[in-house]
């Protein structure tokens, strides 16, 4: 996948790739573009970064990336399972999205 300087284009490329690899579909969550599987969101695009719902060591690995943090769209209460990963790590977004999709499947 070619990297571009446009974070939204990077996100759209991840969406397109996951749609070919899985049953994931684009949608909206809190007004932001997101990826869902069976109606449950597992990744999204927020203010130039991508956010992922992760658990366990995958969550810790994502959080360890420079600039990554718990997703806190309200500015008041971070969402503990969601990690916001800045566009400097766009090359990791597809892998993280796959991890988030797999994590979602493991909860059922």
Protein backbone atom coordinates (compact mmCIF):
# COMPACT_ATOMS: atom_id res chain seq x y z
CA UNK A 1 0.00 0.00 0.00
CA UNK A 2 1.51 3.33 -1.01
CA UNK A 3 1.87 5.89 1.75
CA UNK A 4 0.62 9.42 1.16
CA UNK A 5 0.86 12.58 3.21
CA UNK A 6 -2.94 12.74 3.57
CA UNK A 7 -4.15 10.94 6.72
CA UNK A 8 -7.71 10.67 5.39
CA UNK A 9 -6.44 9.00 2.22
CA UNK A 10 -4.48 6.57 4.40
CA UNK A 11 -7.63 5.81 6.40
CA UNK A 12 -9.66 5.32 3.21
CA UNK A 13 -7.01 2.89 1.93
CA UNK A 14 -7.28 0.87 5.18
CA UNK A 15 -11.08 0.81 4.81
CA UNK A 16 -10.84 -0.36 1.20
CA UNK A 17 -8.33 -3.08 2.08
CA UNK A 18 -10.35 -4.40 5.02
CA UNK A 19 -13.51 -4.47 2.93
CA UNK A 20 -11.77 -6.84 0.51
CA UNK A 21 -10.30 -9.00 3.31
CA UNK A 22 -13.28 -9.24 5.67
CA UNK A 23 -16.94 -8.44 6.22
CA UNK A 24 -16.04 -5.04 7.72
CA UNK A 25 -18.11 -2.08 6.54
CA UNK A 26 -17.65 1.68 6.79
CA UNK A 27 -19.98 3.56 9.11
CA UNK A 28 -20.17 6.35 11.67
CA UNK A 29 -19.52 6.47 15.41
CA UNK A 30 -19.83 9.74 17.39
CA UNK A 31 -20.07 11.44 13.99
CA UNK A 32 -16.64 10.19 12.91
CA UNK A 33 -15.98 7.74 10.08
CA UNK A 34 -15.45 4.25 11.43
CA UNK A 35 -15.15 0.59 10.52
CA UNK A 36 -17.71 -1.88 11.84
CA UNK A 37 -18.15 -5.60 11.78
CA UNK A 38 -21.57 -7.04 12.58
CA UNK A 39 -22.63 -3.57 13.73
CA UNK A 40 -19.77 -3.16 16.21
CA UNK A 41 -17.14 -0.46 15.68
CA UNK A 42 -13.51 -1.52 15.94
CA UNK A 43 -11.60 1.35 14.27
CA UNK A 44 -12.19 4.92 13.21
CA UNK A 45 -10.73 8.17 11.94
CA UNK A 46 -10.56 11.16 14.30
CA UNK A 47 -8.85 14.51 13.73
CA UNK A 48 -6.15 13.13 11.44
CA UNK A 49 -5.46 10.04 13.56
CA UNK A 50 -6.83 6.54 13.49
CA UNK A 51 -8.37 4.94 16.58
CA UNK A 52 -8.54 1.23 17.33
CA UNK A 53 -10.42 -0.88 19.86
CA UNK A 54 -7.79 -3.29 21.18
CA UNK A 55 -7.16 -5.55 24.16
CA UNK A 56 -4.22 -7.23 25.86
CA UNK A 57 -0.73 -7.02 24.41
CA UNK A 58 -1.97 -5.52 21.11
CA UNK A 59 -3.44 -2.63 23.12
CA UNK A 60 -0.14 -2.18 24.98
CA UNK A 61 1.88 -2.31 21.74
CA UNK A 62 -0.30 0.35 20.09
CA UNK A 63 -0.18 2.57 23.16
CA UNK A 64 3.63 2.31 23.17
CA UNK A 65 3.91 3.99 19.74
CA UNK A 66 5.20 7.57 19.99
CA UNK A 67 2.30 10.02 20.16
CA UNK A 68 -0.29 7.29 20.76
CA UNK A 69 -2.74 7.73 23.64
CA UNK A 70 -6.04 6.52 24.95
CA UNK A 71 -8.84 7.87 22.79
CA UNK A 72 -10.59 10.71 24.59
CA UNK A 73 -13.01 12.47 22.20
CA UNK A 74 -14.79 14.30 25.04
CA UNK A 75 -11.58 15.50 26.70
CA UNK A 76 -13.00 14.25 30.00
CA UNK A 77 -12.95 10.48 30.07
CA UNK A 78 -10.61 8.34 27.96
CA UNK A 79 -12.11 5.21 26.41
CA UNK A 80 -9.91 2.55 28.00
CA UNK A 81 -10.04 -0.01 25.18
CA UNK A 82 -9.51 2.53 22.39
CA UNK A 83 -6.06 3.75 21.30
CA UNK A 84 -5.56 6.85 19.14
CA UNK A 85 -2.56 6.41 16.82
CA UNK A 86 -1.27 9.53 14.98
CA UNK A 87 -0.68 9.66 11.23
CA UNK A 88 3.10 9.41 11.65
CA UNK A 89 2.33 5.70 12.18
CA UNK A 90 -0.03 5.42 9.17
CA UNK A 91 2.09 2.54 7.87
CA UNK A 92 0.94 0.58 10.96
CA UNK A 93 -2.74 1.45 10.63
CA UNK A 94 -3.73 -1.55 8.48
CA UNK A 95 -2.08 -4.02 10.85
CA UNK A 96 -3.66 -2.36 13.86
CA UNK A 97 -7.06 -2.39 12.16
CA UNK A 98 -6.67 -6.13 11.49
CA UNK A 99 -5.71 -6.64 15.16
CA UNK A 100 -8.79 -4.66 16.24
CA UNK A 101 -11.03 -6.70 13.95
CA UNK A 102 -9.55 -9.93 15.31
CA UNK A 103 -9.96 -8.66 18.87
CA UNK A 104 -13.63 -7.96 18.17
CA UNK A 105 -14.10 -11.51 16.87
CA UNK A 106 -12.53 -12.94 20.03
CA UNK A 107 -15.10 -11.24 22.28
CA UNK A 108 -17.97 -13.31 20.88
